[in-house]
Protein backbone atom coordinates (compact mmCIF):
# COMPACT_ATOMS: atom_id res chain seq x y z
CA MET A 1 23.10 -10.72 20.53
CA LEU A 2 21.47 -10.56 17.08
CA SER A 3 21.31 -13.73 15.05
CA TYR A 4 22.44 -13.95 11.42
CA GLN A 5 18.89 -13.79 10.03
CA GLN A 6 17.90 -10.91 12.32
CA LEU A 7 20.93 -8.93 11.12
CA GLN A 8 19.99 -9.65 7.50
CA ARG A 9 16.42 -8.47 8.08
CA ILE A 10 17.59 -5.22 9.71
CA VAL A 11 19.96 -4.52 6.80
CA TYR A 12 17.31 -5.31 4.17
CA GLU A 13 14.66 -3.14 5.82
CA THR A 14 17.19 -0.31 6.15
CA VAL A 15 18.64 -0.17 2.63
CA ALA A 16 16.09 -1.95 0.41
CA GLU A 17 12.46 -1.91 1.54
CA PRO A 18 11.87 -0.02 4.80
CA PRO A 19 8.51 -0.90 6.36
CA GLN A 20 6.03 1.84 7.11
CA GLY A 21 6.98 3.75 10.25
CA TYR A 22 10.63 2.60 10.25
CA LYS A 23 12.35 5.98 10.61
CA VAL A 24 15.93 4.78 10.06
CA GLY A 25 15.01 3.11 6.77
CA GLU A 26 13.07 6.18 5.61
CA VAL A 27 16.03 8.45 6.39
CA VAL A 28 18.48 6.17 4.55
CA THR A 29 16.16 5.95 1.53
CA GLY A 30 15.79 9.73 1.48
CA LEU A 31 19.56 10.23 1.56
CA ILE A 32 20.08 7.69 -1.24
CA LEU A 33 17.45 9.39 -3.41
CA THR A 34 19.08 12.78 -2.77
CA LEU A 35 22.48 11.40 -3.74
CA ILE A 36 20.99 9.93 -6.92
CA ALA A 37 19.47 13.28 -7.89
CA VAL A 38 22.78 15.10 -7.26
CA ASN A 39 24.63 12.46 -9.30
CA VAL A 40 22.29 13.02 -12.22
CA ILE A 41 22.91 16.78 -12.09
CA VAL A 42 26.69 16.33 -11.82
CA GLY A 43 26.65 13.79 -14.66
CA VAL A 44 24.85 16.30 -16.91
CA LEU A 45 27.27 19.12 -16.03
CA GLU A 46 30.24 16.85 -16.62
CA THR A 47 29.41 16.69 -20.32
CA GLU A 48 30.35 20.37 -20.59
CA ASP A 49 34.02 20.27 -21.55
CA HIS A 50 34.97 23.59 -20.00
CA LEU A 51 33.46 22.56 -16.63
CA TYR A 52 35.12 19.16 -16.72
CA VAL A 53 38.52 20.67 -17.56
CA ALA A 54 38.16 23.35 -14.86
CA ALA A 55 37.46 20.89 -12.00
CA PRO A 56 38.44 17.33 -12.94
CA ASP A 57 39.35 16.38 -9.37
CA PHE A 58 35.93 17.36 -8.07
CA PHE A 59 34.13 15.22 -10.64
CA TYR A 60 36.46 12.28 -10.01
CA TYR A 61 36.23 12.24 -6.22
CA PHE A 62 32.52 12.93 -6.20
CA GLU A 63 32.00 9.97 -8.51
CA PHE A 64 34.38 7.87 -6.41
CA VAL A 65 32.48 8.49 -3.15
CA SER A 66 29.10 8.04 -4.84
CA VAL A 67 30.08 4.74 -6.45
CA ILE A 68 31.41 3.40 -3.14
CA ILE A 69 28.10 4.26 -1.44
CA PHE A 70 26.04 2.72 -4.25
CA THR A 71 28.24 -0.39 -4.26
CA VAL A 72 27.83 -0.89 -0.52
CA GLU A 73 24.07 -0.46 -0.89
CA TYR A 74 23.91 -2.92 -3.79
CA VAL A 75 26.00 -5.58 -2.04
CA SER A 76 24.02 -5.15 1.20
CA THR A 77 20.73 -5.54 -0.66
CA ILE A 78 21.85 -8.70 -2.49
CA TRP A 79 23.32 -10.18 0.71
CA SER A 80 20.21 -9.56 2.83
CA CYS A 81 17.52 -10.31 0.21
CA THR A 82 17.21 -13.94 1.39
CA VAL A 83 14.94 -12.78 4.24
CA VAL A 84 12.25 -12.26 1.58
CA GLU A 85 10.34 -15.44 0.78
CA ILE A 86 10.75 -15.24 -3.00
CA TYR A 87 14.54 -14.89 -2.60
CA ALA A 88 14.90 -17.38 0.25
CA SER A 89 17.37 -19.64 -1.58
CA PRO A 90 20.95 -18.55 -0.78
CA PHE A 91 22.18 -18.95 -4.38
CA SER A 92 19.25 -18.94 -6.81
CA GLY A 93 17.41 -16.36 -4.70
CA ARG A 94 20.30 -13.90 -4.93
CA ILE A 95 20.64 -14.54 -8.67
CA LYS A 96 16.94 -13.79 -9.04
CA ALA A 97 17.37 -10.58 -7.04
CA MET A 98 20.31 -9.54 -9.24
CA LEU A 99 18.17 -9.96 -12.36
CA ARG A 100 15.51 -7.54 -11.16
CA PRO A 101 15.17 -4.43 -13.37
CA MET A 102 16.28 -2.07 -10.61
CA SER A 103 19.31 -4.26 -9.81
CA ILE A 104 20.33 -4.17 -13.48
CA VAL A 105 19.98 -0.38 -13.42
CA ASP A 106 22.25 -0.27 -10.36
CA ILE A 107 24.91 -2.31 -12.16
CA LEU A 108 24.73 -0.11 -15.26
CA ALA A 109 25.04 2.98 -13.05
CA ILE A 110 28.28 1.92 -11.31
CA ALA A 111 29.87 -0.13 -14.10
CA PRO A 112 31.43 2.85 -16.00
CA PHE A 113 33.53 3.84 -12.98
CA TYR A 114 35.01 0.36 -12.59
CA LEU A 115 35.57 0.16 -16.34
CA SER A 116 37.46 3.44 -16.17
CA LEU A 117 39.70 2.07 -13.42
CA ALA A 118 40.34 -1.13 -15.34
CA LEU A 119 41.25 0.74 -18.54
CA ALA A 120 42.99 3.69 -16.92
CA SER A 121 46.34 2.82 -18.53
CA SER A 122 44.85 2.67 -22.03
CA ASP A 123 44.12 5.57 -24.37
CA VAL A 124 40.42 4.76 -24.60
CA ASP A 125 38.16 7.71 -23.74
CA LEU A 126 35.38 6.34 -21.62
CA ARG A 127 33.60 9.58 -20.88
CA PHE A 128 30.81 8.60 -23.26
CA VAL A 129 30.37 5.40 -21.23
CA ARG A 130 29.80 7.50 -18.13
CA ILE A 131 26.51 8.61 -19.66
CA LEU A 132 25.27 5.25 -18.40
CA ARG A 133 25.24 6.82 -14.96
CA LEU A 134 22.05 8.56 -16.08
CA PHE A 135 20.41 5.18 -15.50
CA ARG A 136 20.48 6.16 -11.83
CA LEU A 137 17.59 8.43 -12.68
CA PHE A 138 15.35 5.36 -12.86
CA ARG A 139 16.15 4.65 -9.22
CA LEU A 140 14.07 7.67 -8.32
CA PHE A 141 11.11 5.37 -8.87
CA ARG A 142 11.91 3.98 -5.42
CA ASN A 143 10.14 7.06 -4.13
CA GLY A 144 6.62 6.00 -3.19
CA LYS A 145 4.82 9.00 -4.69
CA LEU A 146 6.65 8.75 -8.03
CA SER A 147 6.00 5.02 -8.17
CA ARG A 148 2.26 5.50 -7.60
CA ALA A 149 2.12 8.31 -10.18
CA PHE A 150 3.80 6.27 -12.91
CA LYS A 151 1.73 3.24 -11.99
CA ALA A 152 -1.39 5.34 -12.51
CA LEU A 153 -0.07 6.49 -15.90
CA LYS A 154 0.69 2.89 -16.90
CA ASP A 155 -2.78 1.76 -15.87
CA VAL A 156 -4.40 4.58 -17.85
CA ILE A 157 -2.41 3.83 -21.02
CA THR A 158 -3.10 0.11 -20.64
CA SER A 159 -6.83 0.65 -20.20
CA LYS A 160 -7.00 2.97 -23.25
CA GLN A 161 -4.54 1.16 -25.50
CA GLU A 162 -7.15 0.35 -28.14
CA GLN A 163 -8.33 3.95 -28.43
CA LEU A 164 -4.74 5.22 -28.44
CA GLY A 165 -3.83 2.71 -31.13
CA LEU A 166 -6.74 3.91 -33.24
CA GLY A 167 -5.70 7.55 -32.77
CA MET A 168 -2.10 6.73 -33.71
CA SER A 169 -3.28 4.96 -36.84
CA ILE A 170 -5.33 8.00 -37.83
CA LEU A 171 -2.31 10.25 -37.28
CA ILE A 172 -0.02 8.04 -39.40
CA LEU A 173 -2.54 7.84 -42.25
CA SER A 174 -3.05 11.60 -42.12
CA VAL A 175 0.71 12.25 -42.31
CA LEU A 176 1.09 9.85 -45.24
CA LEU A 177 -1.86 11.36 -47.11
CA CYS A 178 -0.88 14.99 -46.54
CA SER A 179 2.76 14.33 -47.42
CA SER A 180 1.77 12.65 -50.66
CA ILE A 181 -0.52 15.52 -51.66
CA MET A 182 2.15 18.11 -50.80
CA TYR A 183 4.72 16.17 -52.86
CA ILE A 184 2.43 16.23 -55.89
CA ILE A 185 1.64 19.94 -55.46
CA GLU A 186 5.25 21.03 -55.05
CA THR A 187 6.65 18.94 -57.87
CA GLU A 188 3.99 20.12 -60.30
CA LEU A 189 3.22 23.71 -59.26
CA SER A 190 6.43 25.05 -57.72
CA PRO A 191 7.88 28.12 -59.54
CA GLU A 192 10.52 27.49 -62.17
CA GLY A 193 14.06 27.84 -60.98
CA SER A 194 13.18 27.16 -57.34
CA ALA A 195 14.82 24.16 -55.73
CA THR A 196 12.06 22.32 -53.89
CA LYS A 197 12.91 20.06 -50.99
CA PHE A 198 9.82 17.91 -51.55
CA THR A 199 11.77 15.53 -53.76
CA SER A 200 9.96 12.36 -52.65
CA ILE A 201 7.13 11.18 -50.47
CA PRO A 202 9.48 9.98 -47.65
CA ALA A 203 11.19 13.40 -47.69
CA SER A 204 7.80 15.09 -47.61
CA MET A 205 6.77 12.97 -44.63
CA TRP A 206 9.29 14.84 -42.47
CA TRP A 207 7.43 18.04 -43.32
CA GLY A 208 4.10 16.30 -42.63
CA ILE A 209 5.19 15.09 -39.16
CA VAL A 210 6.61 18.48 -38.17
CA THR A 211 3.53 20.32 -39.39
CA MET A 212 0.88 18.00 -37.95
CA THR A 213 2.57 17.97 -34.56
CA THR A 214 2.47 21.83 -34.70
CA ILE A 215 6.26 22.09 -34.27
CA GLY A 216 7.11 23.78 -37.57
CA TYR A 217 10.91 23.85 -37.75
CA GLY A 218 10.85 25.78 -41.02
CA ASP A 219 13.54 23.75 -42.71
CA MET A 220 11.02 22.60 -45.38
CA VAL A 221 8.42 25.07 -46.64
CA PRO A 222 6.23 24.97 -49.75
CA GLN A 223 7.08 27.41 -52.56
CA SER A 224 3.80 27.44 -54.53
CA ALA A 225 0.69 29.35 -53.50
CA VAL A 226 -1.44 26.20 -53.56
CA GLY A 227 1.12 24.44 -51.40
CA LYS A 228 1.02 27.23 -48.82
CA ILE A 229 -2.78 27.12 -48.69
CA PHE A 230 -2.72 23.36 -48.29
CA ALA A 231 -0.02 23.67 -45.59
CA SER A 232 -2.33 25.98 -43.60
CA PHE A 233 -5.06 23.35 -43.76
CA VAL A 234 -2.60 20.65 -42.62
CA GLY A 235 -1.55 22.81 -39.65
CA TYR A 236 -5.17 23.10 -38.53
CA LEU A 237 -5.68 19.38 -39.06
CA GLY A 238 -2.62 18.74 -36.90
CA ILE A 239 -4.25 20.46 -33.93
CA CYS A 240 -7.20 18.07 -34.23
CA ALA A 241 -4.87 15.08 -34.58
CA ILE A 242 -2.94 16.01 -31.42
CA ALA A 243 -6.14 16.69 -29.46
CA LEU A 244 -7.36 13.15 -30.12
CA PRO A 245 -4.80 11.22 -27.96
CA VAL A 246 -4.80 14.01 -25.37
CA GLY A 247 -8.57 13.65 -24.96
CA ILE A 248 -8.29 9.86 -24.74
CA ILE A 249 -5.63 10.03 -22.00
CA GLY A 250 -7.61 12.72 -20.15
CA ALA A 251 -10.73 10.54 -20.19
CA GLY A 252 -8.62 7.62 -19.00
CA PHE A 253 -7.36 9.60 -16.01
CA THR A 254 -10.92 10.62 -15.17
CA ASP A 255 -12.04 6.99 -15.22
CA TYR A 256 -9.02 5.97 -13.13
CA MET A 257 -9.71 8.60 -10.47
CA ASN A 258 -13.40 7.65 -10.32
CA LYS A 259 -12.43 4.00 -9.94
CA GLU A 260 -10.00 4.80 -7.12
CA GLU A 261 -12.64 6.89 -5.36
CA ARG A 262 -15.15 4.05 -5.62
CA LYS A 263 -12.60 1.65 -4.12
CA HIS A 264 -11.98 4.08 -1.27
CA ASP A 265 -15.70 4.58 -0.66
CA ASP A 266 -16.33 0.82 -0.72
CA ALA A 267 -13.54 0.25 1.78
CA CYS A 268 -14.97 2.96 4.06
CA HIS A 269 -18.48 1.47 3.80
CA ASP A 270 -17.13 -1.99 4.64
CA ARG A 271 -15.35 -0.67 7.72
CA THR A 272 -18.48 1.24 8.76
CA ASP A 273 -20.69 -1.83 8.34
CA LYS A 274 -18.32 -4.00 10.36
CA LEU A 275 -18.19 -1.39 13.12
CA GLN A 276 -21.98 -1.05 13.14
CA LYS A 277 -22.44 -4.82 13.34
CA THR A 278 -19.97 -4.99 16.22
CA VAL A 279 -21.80 -2.22 18.10
CA GLU A 280 -25.18 -3.89 17.56
CA SER A 281 -23.80 -7.24 18.70
CA ASP A 282 -22.36 -5.70 21.85
CA ARG A 283 -25.63 -3.89 22.54
CA SER A 284 -27.66 -7.09 22.11
CA TYR A 285 -25.25 -8.93 24.36
CA ASP A 286 -25.56 -6.25 27.07
CA ILE A 287 -29.36 -6.48 26.91
CA ASN A 288 -29.30 -10.26 27.27
CA LEU A 289 -26.80 -10.04 30.09
CA LYS A 290 -28.95 -7.52 31.94
CA ALA A 291 -32.04 -9.71 31.51
CA GLN A 292 -30.19 -12.75 32.86
CA LYS A 293 -28.99 -10.79 35.87
CA GLU A 294 -32.49 -9.52 36.62
CA GLU A 295 -33.84 -13.05 36.34
CA GLN A 296 -31.22 -14.38 38.75
CA ILE A 297 -31.90 -11.59 41.22
CA GLN A 298 -35.62 -12.34 41.11
CA ARG A 299 -34.97 -16.05 41.73
CA LEU A 300 -32.71 -15.17 44.64
CA LYS A 301 -35.39 -12.93 46.16
CA THR A 302 -37.92 -15.76 45.85
CA ALA A 303 -35.52 -18.19 47.50
CA LEU A 304 -34.79 -15.76 50.33
CA LEU A 305 -38.51 -15.27 51.00
CA ALA A 306 -38.91 -19.04 51.22
CA ILE A 307 -35.99 -19.23 53.65
CA GLU A 308 -37.46 -16.47 55.82
CA GLU A 309 -40.76 -18.30 55.88
CA ALA A 310 -38.99 -21.48 56.98
CA ILE A 311 -37.19 -19.59 59.73
CA ARG A 312 -40.45 -18.14 60.95
CA ILE A 313 -41.96 -21.63 61.14
CA VAL A 314 -38.96 -22.90 63.07
CA GLU A 315 -39.15 -19.98 65.51
CA ASP A 316 -42.83 -20.74 66.16
CA SER A 317 -41.97 -24.38 66.72
CA MET A 318 -39.23 -23.45 69.25
CA ASP A 319 -41.65 -21.30 71.24
CA ASP A 320 -44.17 -24.14 71.54
CA ASP A 321 -41.74 -26.89 72.49
CA ASP A 322 -39.60 -25.94 75.56
CA ASP A 323 -38.18 -29.42 75.97
CA ASP A 324 -36.48 -29.31 72.60
CA GLU A 325 -35.14 -25.78 73.05
CA ILE A 326 -31.46 -26.62 72.61
CA GLU A 327 -32.02 -28.75 69.52
CA SER A 328 -34.38 -26.16 68.02
CA THR A 329 -31.84 -23.40 68.63
CA SER A 330 -29.19 -25.48 66.85
CA SER A 331 -31.56 -26.03 63.92
CA LYS A 332 -32.26 -22.32 63.74
CA LYS A 333 -28.59 -21.42 63.66
CA HIS A 334 -27.99 -24.05 61.04
CA ILE A 335 -30.75 -22.66 58.80
CA VAL A 336 -29.53 -19.07 59.25
CA ARG A 337 -26.04 -20.20 58.35
CA TRP A 338 -27.47 -21.98 55.29
CA LYS A 339 -29.15 -18.72 54.28
CA GLU A 340 -25.88 -16.79 54.52
CA ASP A 341 -24.00 -19.49 52.59
CA SER A 342 -26.66 -19.42 49.88
CA VAL A 343 -26.26 -15.66 49.46
CA ASN A 344 -22.47 -15.92 49.34
CA GLU A 345 -22.69 -18.81 46.92
CA TYR A 346 -24.95 -16.75 44.62
CA TYR A 347 -22.55 -13.85 44.46
CA SER A 348 -19.59 -16.13 43.79
CA TYR A 349 -21.45 -17.97 41.02
CA SER A 350 -23.03 -14.92 39.41
CA ASP A 351 -19.71 -13.72 38.01
CA TYR A 352 -19.63 -13.30 34.23
CA ASP A 353 -18.44 -16.43 32.51
CA LYS A 354 -16.47 -14.96 29.61
CA GLU A 355 -15.75 -18.28 28.00
CA ASN A 356 -19.35 -19.50 27.82
CA SER A 357 -20.91 -15.99 27.51
CA MET A 358 -23.55 -16.66 30.23
CA ILE A 359 -24.18 -16.28 33.96
CA ARG A 360 -23.79 -19.50 35.89
CA THR A 361 -26.77 -20.11 38.14
CA PRO A 362 -25.99 -21.77 41.48
CA PRO A 363 -28.36 -24.38 42.89
CA LEU A 364 -30.47 -22.62 45.48
CA ILE A 365 -31.36 -25.74 47.50
CA SER A 366 -29.14 -28.78 47.66
CA GLU A 367 -30.00 -32.30 48.76
CA ASN A 368 -28.35 -31.71 52.16
CA ASP A 369 -30.47 -28.63 52.70
CA GLU A 370 -33.62 -30.66 52.12
CA VAL A 371 -32.43 -33.07 54.76
CA ILE A 372 -31.87 -30.18 57.18
CA MET A 373 -35.39 -28.93 56.62
CA THR A 374 -36.75 -32.40 57.15
CA GLU A 375 -34.84 -32.75 60.41
CA SER A 376 -36.11 -29.39 61.57
CA ASN A 377 -39.67 -30.41 60.84
CA ASN A 378 -39.17 -33.62 62.79
CA ASP A 379 -37.84 -31.59 65.73
CA ARG A 380 -40.87 -29.39 65.59
CA VAL A 381 -43.17 -32.39 65.68
């Protein structure tokens, strides 16, 4: 049976922050994001009076079901957030989680519905309050790709804030200067009897902003010929003014992409270097291991030749001394058995010692074996 903390972790990973590869959490997150997008569309259509009057029940019950789902998700997230280290405290941790920007957006998104229920008996029209449901649009940032895209945009603007500030200053000064000149031209050179709209510099600044941003609403136009010529120059200047921040942001994105590529290349080079070092270490170890094995085999061959030589001497001794035949035969069998034990002992000791990374070398001749050889030599004499 699941413990309390295990249940909290499962709920948090399902509705709040699903780990990579957790299919259930990814499916739930996808469904929530889809419901948010549909809510935004329905909230926009609801502002059309003829649509709202034609199907009020649909809008009400759709909002009712959506708010119930969002409320359950919000409560589940706040309840289970204590499994995260920064929200570990049962009380202060949950308060901290409720004060997160996305949690505040969730509250603003569902609050209009509960306000409508609370004030249902009153004559207050709360449809304008329901516009707050558009705050659910910000929850789309839970999507990983959107989050990374806006993070990249934020990093670019932050890195180029000085250049953008300079460009904005140039644009403001240009608008102020052009508006002032147009005000002077129109007040002095406009045809008699024409009602000019350039009555002041602040009023002319609206024309300057619209013209320099290449929008051109047409609600304020110069009447004099000089004003029209100057307005053409301002329109061309506006293209240059708009191109300035666009170029700065474009250069910022280029620098950001190059920086990300360098990070990726560095990470790949680090992994390659680690892998290469591991392969070289394993290769060096295999070479050393092979050399140690060959050395041990050579020592064993040398020891076996010495044993065979000792056996030959004992056999010659047994042929010359018939009186000590039984004892010599016993010595021979003992030496042969010692030879077999030595071989078996070598193979049991020559296993790879993983802990010490070496081959343990068995003693080829023990003190008892020296005694045996001495006794055999005494028998031969």
